[in-house]
Amino acid sequence: GIAYNPSLLDGQTFESWESLWDASLRQK
């Protein structure tokens, strides 16, 4: 699955794999 740190992100959630393609995650 996906491990993530909400405190370092801009409110992204990862209910879908598609979230990994979000432009806000550049180089993350």
PDB file of all heavy atoms in Angstrom:
ATOM      1  N   GLY A   1       0.821  -1.203   0.000  1.00  0.00           N
ATOM      2  CA  GLY A   1       0.000   0.000   0.000  1.00  0.00           C
ATOM      3  C   GLY A   1       0.859   1.258   0.000  1.00  0.00           C
ATOM      4  O   GLY A   1       2.025   1.235  -0.408  1.00  0.00           O
ATOM      5  N   ILE A   2       0.278   2.323   0.499  1.00  0.00           N
ATOM      6  CA  ILE A   2       0.948   3.622   0.493  1.00  0.00           C
ATOM      7  C   ILE A   2       1.112   4.128   1.918  1.00  0.00           C
ATOM      8  O   ILE A   2       0.130   4.259   2.663  1.00  0.00           O
ATOM      9  CB  ILE A   2       0.140   4.657  -0.325  1.00  0.00           C
ATOM     10  CG1 ILE A   2       0.002   4.193  -1.770  1.00  0.00           C
ATOM     11  CG2 ILE A   2       0.805   6.030  -0.260  1.00  0.00           C
ATOM     12  CD1 ILE A   2      -0.967   5.045  -2.593  1.00  0.00           C
ATOM     13  N   ALA A   3       2.359   4.399   2.295  1.00  0.00           N
ATOM     14  CA  ALA A   3       2.646   5.076   3.565  1.00  0.00           C
ATOM     15  C   ALA A   3       2.796   6.555   3.244  1.00  0.00           C
ATOM     16  O   ALA A   3       3.456   6.917   2.262  1.00  0.00           O
ATOM     17  CB  ALA A   3       3.925   4.531   4.193  1.00  0.00           C
ATOM     18  N   TYR A   4       2.183   7.398   4.050  1.00  0.00           N
ATOM     19  CA  TYR A   4       2.270   8.829   3.767  1.00  0.00           C
ATOM     20  C   TYR A   4       2.208   9.630   5.058  1.00  0.00           C
ATOM     21  O   TYR A   4       1.723   9.154   6.086  1.00  0.00           O
ATOM     22  CB  TYR A   4       1.145   9.260   2.815  1.00  0.00           C
ATOM     23  CG  TYR A   4      -0.255   9.117   3.370  1.00  0.00           C
ATOM     24  CD1 TYR A   4      -0.971  10.209   3.833  1.00  0.00           C
ATOM     25  CD2 TYR A   4      -0.877   7.862   3.408  1.00  0.00           C
ATOM     26  CE1 TYR A   4      -2.259  10.082   4.331  1.00  0.00           C
ATOM     27  CE2 TYR A   4      -2.162   7.720   3.907  1.00  0.00           C
ATOM     28  CZ  TYR A   4      -2.844   8.831   4.367  1.00  0.00           C
ATOM     29  OH  TYR A   4      -4.125   8.697   4.873  1.00  0.00           O
ATOM     30  N   ASN A   5       2.735  10.838   4.990  1.00  0.00           N
ATOM     31  CA  ASN A   5       2.782  11.726   6.155  1.00  0.00           C
ATOM     32  C   ASN A   5       1.956  12.973   5.861  1.00  0.00           C
ATOM     33  O   ASN A   5       2.428  13.897   5.185  1.00  0.00           O
ATOM     34  CB  ASN A   5       4.224  12.106   6.459  1.00  0.00           C
ATOM     35  CG  ASN A   5       4.365  12.841   7.774  1.00  0.00           C
ATOM     36  OD1 ASN A   5       3.450  13.533   8.209  1.00  0.00           O
ATOM     37  ND2 ASN A   5       5.522  12.727   8.407  1.00  0.00           N
ATOM     38  N   PRO A   6       0.705  13.009   6.348  1.00  0.00           N
ATOM     39  CA  PRO A   6      -0.176  14.152   6.052  1.00  0.00           C
ATOM     40  C   PRO A   6       0.411  15.499   6.465  1.00  0.00           C
ATOM     41  O   PRO A   6       0.118  16.525   5.836  1.00  0.00           O
ATOM     42  CB  PRO A   6      -1.437  13.834   6.869  1.00  0.00           C
ATOM     43  CG  PRO A   6      -1.393  12.356   7.076  1.00  0.00           C
ATOM     44  CD  PRO A   6       0.044  12.016   7.199  1.00  0.00           C
ATOM     45  N   SER A   7       1.253  15.514   7.505  1.00  0.00           N
ATOM     46  CA  SER A   7       1.815  16.784   7.986  1.00  0.00           C
ATOM     47  C   SER A   7       2.786  17.398   6.985  1.00  0.00           C
ATOM     48  O   SER A   7       3.102  18.593   7.071  1.00  0.00           O
ATOM     49  CB  SER A   7       2.522  16.575   9.328  1.00  0.00           C
ATOM     50  OG  SER A   7       3.689  15.791   9.178  1.00  0.00           O
ATOM     51  N   LEU A   8       3.243  16.596   6.023  1.00  0.00           N
ATOM     52  CA  LEU A   8       4.178  17.096   5.015  1.00  0.00           C
ATOM     53  C   LEU A   8       3.514  17.282   3.656  1.00  0.00           C
ATOM     54  O   LEU A   8       4.179  17.619   2.673  1.00  0.00           O
ATOM     55  CB  LEU A   8       5.359  16.122   4.860  1.00  0.00           C
ATOM     56  CG  LEU A   8       6.185  15.817   6.126  1.00  0.00           C
ATOM     57  CD1 LEU A   8       7.278  14.794   5.805  1.00  0.00           C
ATOM     58  CD2 LEU A   8       6.793  17.098   6.682  1.00  0.00           C
ATOM     59  N   LEU A   9       2.209  17.066   3.603  1.00  0.00           N
ATOM     60  CA  LEU A   9       1.479  17.144   2.345  1.00  0.00           C
ATOM     61  C   LEU A   9       0.396  18.220   2.407  1.00  0.00           C
ATOM     62  O   LEU A   9       0.070  18.735   3.484  1.00  0.00           O
ATOM     63  CB  LEU A   9       0.851  15.785   2.025  1.00  0.00           C
ATOM     64  CG  LEU A   9       1.848  14.627   1.850  1.00  0.00           C
ATOM     65  CD1 LEU A   9       1.117  13.297   1.815  1.00  0.00           C
ATOM     66  CD2 LEU A   9       2.664  14.824   0.584  1.00  0.00           C
ATOM     67  N   ASP A  10      -0.155  18.524   1.256  1.00  0.00           N
ATOM     68  CA  ASP A  10      -1.176  19.572   1.171  1.00  0.00           C
ATOM     69  C   ASP A  10      -2.579  18.977   1.126  1.00  0.00           C
ATOM     70  O   ASP A  10      -3.380  19.278   0.247  1.00  0.00           O
ATOM     71  CB  ASP A  10      -0.933  20.443  -0.080  1.00  0.00           C
ATOM     72  CG  ASP A  10       0.412  21.147  -0.032  1.00  0.00           C
ATOM     73  OD1 ASP A  10       0.809  21.569   1.071  1.00  0.00           O
ATOM     74  OD2 ASP A  10       1.055  21.247  -1.090  1.00  0.00           O
ATOM     75  N   GLY A  11      -2.849  18.088   2.075  1.00  0.00           N
ATOM     76  CA  GLY A  11      -4.193  17.526   2.175  1.00  0.00           C
ATOM     77  C   GLY A  11      -4.478  16.367   1.241  1.00  0.00           C
ATOM     78  O   GLY A  11      -5.628  15.931   1.123  1.00  0.00           O
ATOM     79  N   GLN A  12      -3.455  15.840   0.567  1.00  0.00           N
ATOM     80  CA  GLN A  12      -3.690  14.701  -0.324  1.00  0.00           C
ATOM     81  C   GLN A  12      -4.111  13.466   0.467  1.00  0.00           C
ATOM     82  O   GLN A  12      -3.643  13.241   1.571  1.00  0.00           O
ATOM     83  CB  GLN A  12      -2.427  14.359  -1.127  1.00  0.00           C
ATOM     84  CG  GLN A  12      -1.994  15.423  -2.103  1.00  0.00           C
ATOM     85  CD  GLN A  12      -0.922  16.314  -1.491  1.00  0.00           C
ATOM     86  OE1 GLN A  12      -0.884  16.526  -0.286  1.00  0.00           O
ATOM     87  NE2 GLN A  12      -0.055  16.861  -2.336  1.00  0.00           N
ATOM     88  N   THR A  13      -5.004  12.712  -0.115  1.00  0.00           N
ATOM     89  CA  THR A  13      -5.372  11.411   0.447  1.00  0.00           C
ATOM     90  C   THR A  13      -5.090  10.355  -0.614  1.00  0.00           C
ATOM     91  O   THR A  13      -4.924  10.666  -1.786  1.00  0.00           O
ATOM     92  CB  THR A  13      -6.857  11.375   0.846  1.00  0.00           C
ATOM     93  OG1 THR A  13      -7.659  11.675  -0.309  1.00  0.00           O
ATOM     94  CG2 THR A  13      -7.149  12.389   1.951  1.00  0.00           C
ATOM     95  N   PHE A  14      -5.056   9.121  -0.196  1.00  0.00           N
ATOM     96  CA  PHE A  14      -4.611   8.074  -1.112  1.00  0.00           C
ATOM     97  C   PHE A  14      -5.584   6.901  -1.158  1.00  0.00           C
ATOM     98  O   PHE A  14      -5.174   5.742  -1.172  1.00  0.00           O
ATOM     99  CB  PHE A  14      -3.205   7.621  -0.708  1.00  0.00           C
ATOM    100  CG  PHE A  14      -2.177   8.721  -0.838  1.00  0.00           C
ATOM    101  CD1 PHE A  14      -1.914   9.566   0.239  1.00  0.00           C
ATOM    102  CD2 PHE A  14      -1.522   8.936  -2.030  1.00  0.00           C
ATOM    103  CE1 PHE A  14      -0.987  10.596   0.124  1.00  0.00           C
ATOM    104  CE2 PHE A  14      -0.600   9.967  -2.167  1.00  0.00           C
ATOM    105  CZ  PHE A  14      -0.330  10.802  -1.085  1.00  0.00           C
ATOM    106  N   GLU A  15      -6.866   7.218  -1.197  1.00  0.00           N
ATOM    107  CA  GLU A  15      -7.870   6.163  -1.337  1.00  0.00           C
ATOM    108  C   GLU A  15      -7.755   5.461  -2.686  1.00  0.00           C
ATOM    109  O   GLU A  15      -8.210   4.328  -2.851  1.00  0.00           O
ATOM    110  CB  GLU A  15      -9.281   6.728  -1.186  1.00  0.00           C
ATOM    111  CG  GLU A  15      -9.680   7.040   0.249  1.00  0.00           C
ATOM    112  CD  GLU A  15      -9.145   8.402   0.709  1.00  0.00           C
ATOM    113  OE1 GLU A  15      -8.590   9.141  -0.150  1.00  0.00           O
ATOM    114  OE2 GLU A  15      -9.275   8.715   1.905  1.00  0.00           O
ATOM    115  N   SER A  16      -7.158   6.150  -3.667  1.00  0.00           N
ATOM    116  CA  SER A  16      -6.997   5.584  -5.007  1.00  0.00           C
ATOM    117  C   SER A  16      -5.524   5.616  -5.406  1.00  0.00           C
ATOM    118  O   SER A  16      -4.778   6.521  -5.021  1.00  0.00           O
ATOM    119  CB  SER A  16      -7.822   6.384  -6.017  1.00  0.00           C
ATOM    120  OG  SER A  16      -7.502   5.993  -7.342  1.00  0.00           O
ATOM    121  N   TRP A  17      -5.118   4.616  -6.212  1.00  0.00           N
ATOM    122  CA  TRP A  17      -3.762   4.624  -6.745  1.00  0.00           C
ATOM    123  C   TRP A  17      -3.517   5.853  -7.616  1.00  0.00           C
ATOM    124  O   TRP A  17      -2.385   6.313  -7.749  1.00  0.00           O
ATOM    125  CB  TRP A  17      -3.507   3.360  -7.568  1.00  0.00           C
ATOM    126  CG  TRP A  17      -3.372   2.095  -6.774  1.00  0.00           C
ATOM    127  CD1 TRP A  17      -4.198   1.020  -6.791  1.00  0.00           C
ATOM    128  CD2 TRP A  17      -2.315   1.764  -5.861  1.00  0.00           C
ATOM    129  NE1 TRP A  17      -3.746   0.036  -5.939  1.00  0.00           N
ATOM    130  CE2 TRP A  17      -2.576   0.465  -5.360  1.00  0.00           C
ATOM    131  CE3 TRP A  17      -1.168   2.434  -5.414  1.00  0.00           C
ATOM    132  CZ2 TRP A  17      -1.761  -0.169  -4.434  1.00  0.00           C
ATOM    133  CZ3 TRP A  17      -0.341   1.792  -4.494  1.00  0.00           C
ATOM    134  CH2 TRP A  17      -0.632   0.522  -4.016  1.00  0.00           C
ATOM    135  N   GLU A  18      -4.581   6.374  -8.200  1.00  0.00           N
ATOM    136  CA  GLU A  18      -4.452   7.541  -9.074  1.00  0.00           C
ATOM    137  C   GLU A  18      -3.822   8.728  -8.345  1.00  0.00           C
ATOM    138  O   GLU A  18      -3.226   9.602  -8.971  1.00  0.00           O
ATOM    139  CB  GLU A  18      -5.826   7.948  -9.617  1.00  0.00           C
ATOM    140  CG  GLU A  18      -6.478   6.943 -10.545  1.00  0.00           C
ATOM    141  CD  GLU A  18      -5.782   6.840 -11.898  1.00  0.00           C
ATOM    142  OE1 GLU A  18      -4.986   7.739 -12.244  1.00  0.00           O
ATOM    143  OE2 GLU A  18      -6.028   5.835 -12.599  1.00  0.00           O
ATOM    144  N   SER A  19      -3.934   8.749  -7.023  1.00  0.00           N
ATOM    145  CA  SER A  19      -3.387   9.862  -6.244  1.00  0.00           C
ATOM    146  C   SER A  19      -1.885  10.018  -6.457  1.00  0.00           C
ATOM    147  O   SER A  19      -1.348  11.130  -6.336  1.00  0.00           O
ATOM    148  CB  SER A  19      -3.672   9.653  -4.754  1.00  0.00           C
ATOM    149  OG  SER A  19      -5.055   9.524  -4.512  1.00  0.00           O
ATOM    150  N   LEU A  20      -1.201   8.918  -6.757  1.00  0.00           N
ATOM    151  CA  LEU A  20       0.249   8.987  -6.938  1.00  0.00           C
ATOM    152  C   LEU A  20       0.647   9.783  -8.174  1.00  0.00           C
ATOM    153  O   LEU A  20       1.804  10.185  -8.314  1.00  0.00           O
ATOM    154  CB  LEU A  20       0.845   7.578  -7.025  1.00  0.00           C
ATOM    155  CG  LEU A  20       0.744   6.724  -5.759  1.00  0.00           C
ATOM    156  CD1 LEU A  20       1.311   5.330  -6.014  1.00  0.00           C
ATOM    157  CD2 LEU A  20       1.473   7.385  -4.595  1.00  0.00           C
ATOM    158  N   TRP A  21      -0.309  10.011  -9.062  1.00  0.00           N
ATOM    159  CA  TRP A  21      -0.042  10.796 -10.276  1.00  0.00           C
ATOM    160  C   TRP A  21      -0.375  12.284 -10.085  1.00  0.00           C
ATOM    161  O   TRP A  21      -0.177  13.080 -11.000  1.00  0.00           O
ATOM    162  CB  TRP A  21      -0.839  10.244 -11.455  1.00  0.00           C
ATOM    163  CG  TRP A  21      -0.219   9.053 -12.121  1.00  0.00           C
ATOM    164  CD1 TRP A  21       0.572   9.055 -13.231  1.00  0.00           C
ATOM    165  CD2 TRP A  21      -0.344   7.679 -11.740  1.00  0.00           C
ATOM    166  NE1 TRP A  21       0.949   7.779 -13.564  1.00  0.00           N
ATOM    167  CE2 TRP A  21       0.402   6.906 -12.674  1.00  0.00           C
ATOM    168  CE3 TRP A  21      -1.011   7.013 -10.714  1.00  0.00           C
ATOM    169  CZ2 TRP A  21       0.497   5.519 -12.599  1.00  0.00           C
ATOM    170  CZ3 TRP A  21      -0.905   5.639 -10.640  1.00  0.00           C
ATOM    171  CH2 TRP A  21      -0.159   4.897 -11.571  1.00  0.00           C
ATOM    172  N   ASP A  22      -0.857  12.668  -8.904  1.00  0.00           N
ATOM    173  CA  ASP A  22      -1.252  14.059  -8.656  1.00  0.00           C
ATOM    174  C   ASP A  22      -0.057  14.993  -8.845  1.00  0.00           C
ATOM    175  O   ASP A  22       1.030  14.748  -8.308  1.00  0.00           O
ATOM    176  CB  ASP A  22      -1.810  14.191  -7.235  1.00  0.00           C
ATOM    177  CG  ASP A  22      -2.516  15.524  -7.014  1.00  0.00           C
ATOM    178  OD1 ASP A  22      -1.843  16.562  -7.085  1.00  0.00           O
ATOM    179  OD2 ASP A  22      -3.735  15.504  -6.793  1.00  0.00           O
ATOM    180  N   ALA A  23      -0.239  16.065  -9.572  1.00  0.00           N
ATOM    181  CA  ALA A  23       0.854  17.001  -9.885  1.00  0.00           C
ATOM    182  C   ALA A  23       1.465  17.624  -8.638  1.00  0.00           C
ATOM    183  O   ALA A  23       2.628  18.059  -8.668  1.00  0.00           O
ATOM    184  CB  ALA A  23       0.346  18.086 -10.836  1.00  0.00           C
ATOM    185  N   SER A  24       0.716  17.672  -7.543  1.00  0.00           N
ATOM    186  CA  SER A  24       1.231  18.278  -6.308  1.00  0.00           C
ATOM    187  C   SER A  24       2.321  17.420  -5.657  1.00  0.00           C
ATOM    188  O   SER A  24       2.993  17.866  -4.727  1.00  0.00           O
ATOM    189  CB  SER A  24       0.091  18.493  -5.312  1.00  0.00           C
ATOM    190  OG  SER A  24      -0.452  17.252  -4.904  1.00  0.00           O
ATOM    191  N   LEU A  25       2.486  16.188  -6.144  1.00  0.00           N
ATOM    192  CA  LEU A  25       3.466  15.278  -5.541  1.00  0.00           C
ATOM    193  C   LEU A  25       4.784  15.237  -6.316  1.00  0.00           C
ATOM    194  O   LEU A  25       5.559  14.293  -6.177  1.00  0.00           O
ATOM    195  CB  LEU A  25       2.880  13.868  -5.447  1.00  0.00           C
ATOM    196  CG  LEU A  25       1.656  13.696  -4.543  1.00  0.00           C
ATOM    197  CD1 LEU A  25       1.176  12.252  -4.575  1.00  0.00           C
ATOM    198  CD2 LEU A  25       1.963  14.120  -3.120  1.00  0.00           C
ATOM    199  N   ARG A  26       5.050  16.250  -7.083  1.00  0.00           N
ATOM    200  CA  ARG A  26       6.280  16.276  -7.870  1.00  0.00           C
ATOM    201  C   ARG A  26       7.503  16.046  -6.971  1.00  0.00           C
ATOM    202  O   ARG A  26       7.689  16.716  -5.968  1.00  0.00           O
ATOM    203  CB  ARG A  26       6.406  17.600  -8.611  1.00  0.00           C
ATOM    204  CG  ARG A  26       7.588  17.650  -9.579  1.00  0.00           C
ATOM    205  CD  ARG A  26       7.625  18.969 -10.345  1.00  0.00           C
ATOM    206  NE  ARG A  26       8.730  18.985 -11.287  1.00  0.00           N
ATOM    207  CZ  ARG A  26       8.695  18.482 -12.523  1.00  0.00           C
ATOM    208  NH1 ARG A  26       7.579  17.943 -12.966  1.00  0.00           N
ATOM    209  NH2 ARG A  26       9.756  18.532 -13.309  1.00  0.00           N
ATOM    210  N   GLN A  27       8.329  15.046  -7.337  1.00  0.00           N
ATOM    211  CA  GLN A  27       9.546  14.688  -6.614  1.00  0.00           C
ATOM    212  C   GLN A  27       9.295  14.309  -5.139  1.00  0.00           C
ATOM    213  O   GLN A  27      10.145  14.504  -4.282  1.00  0.00           O
ATOM    214  CB  GLN A  27      10.565  15.829  -6.680  1.00  0.00           C
ATOM    215  CG  GLN A  27      11.309  15.915  -7.997  1.00  0.00           C
ATOM    216  CD  GLN A  27      12.255  14.724  -8.215  1.00  0.00           C
ATOM    217  OE1 GLN A  27      13.217  14.541  -7.478  1.00  0.00           O
ATOM    218  NE2 GLN A  27      11.964  13.903  -9.226  1.00  0.00           N
ATOM    219  N   LYS A  28       8.127  13.700  -4.893  1.00  0.00           N
ATOM    220  CA  LYS A  28       7.798  13.312  -3.519  1.00  0.00           C
ATOM    221  C   LYS A  28       7.531  11.819  -3.344  1.00  0.00           C
ATOM    222  O   LYS A  28       7.520  11.327  -2.218  1.00  0.00           O
ATOM    223  CB  LYS A  28       6.580  14.091  -3.021  1.00  0.00           C
ATOM    224  CG  LYS A  28       6.830  15.581  -2.815  1.00  0.00           C
ATOM    225  CD  LYS A  28       5.616  16.257  -2.206  1.00  0.00           C
ATOM    226  CE  LYS A  28       5.904  17.742  -1.937  1.00  0.00           C
ATOM    227  NZ  LYS A  28       4.731  18.423  -1.344  1.00  0.00           N
TER     228      LYS A  28
END
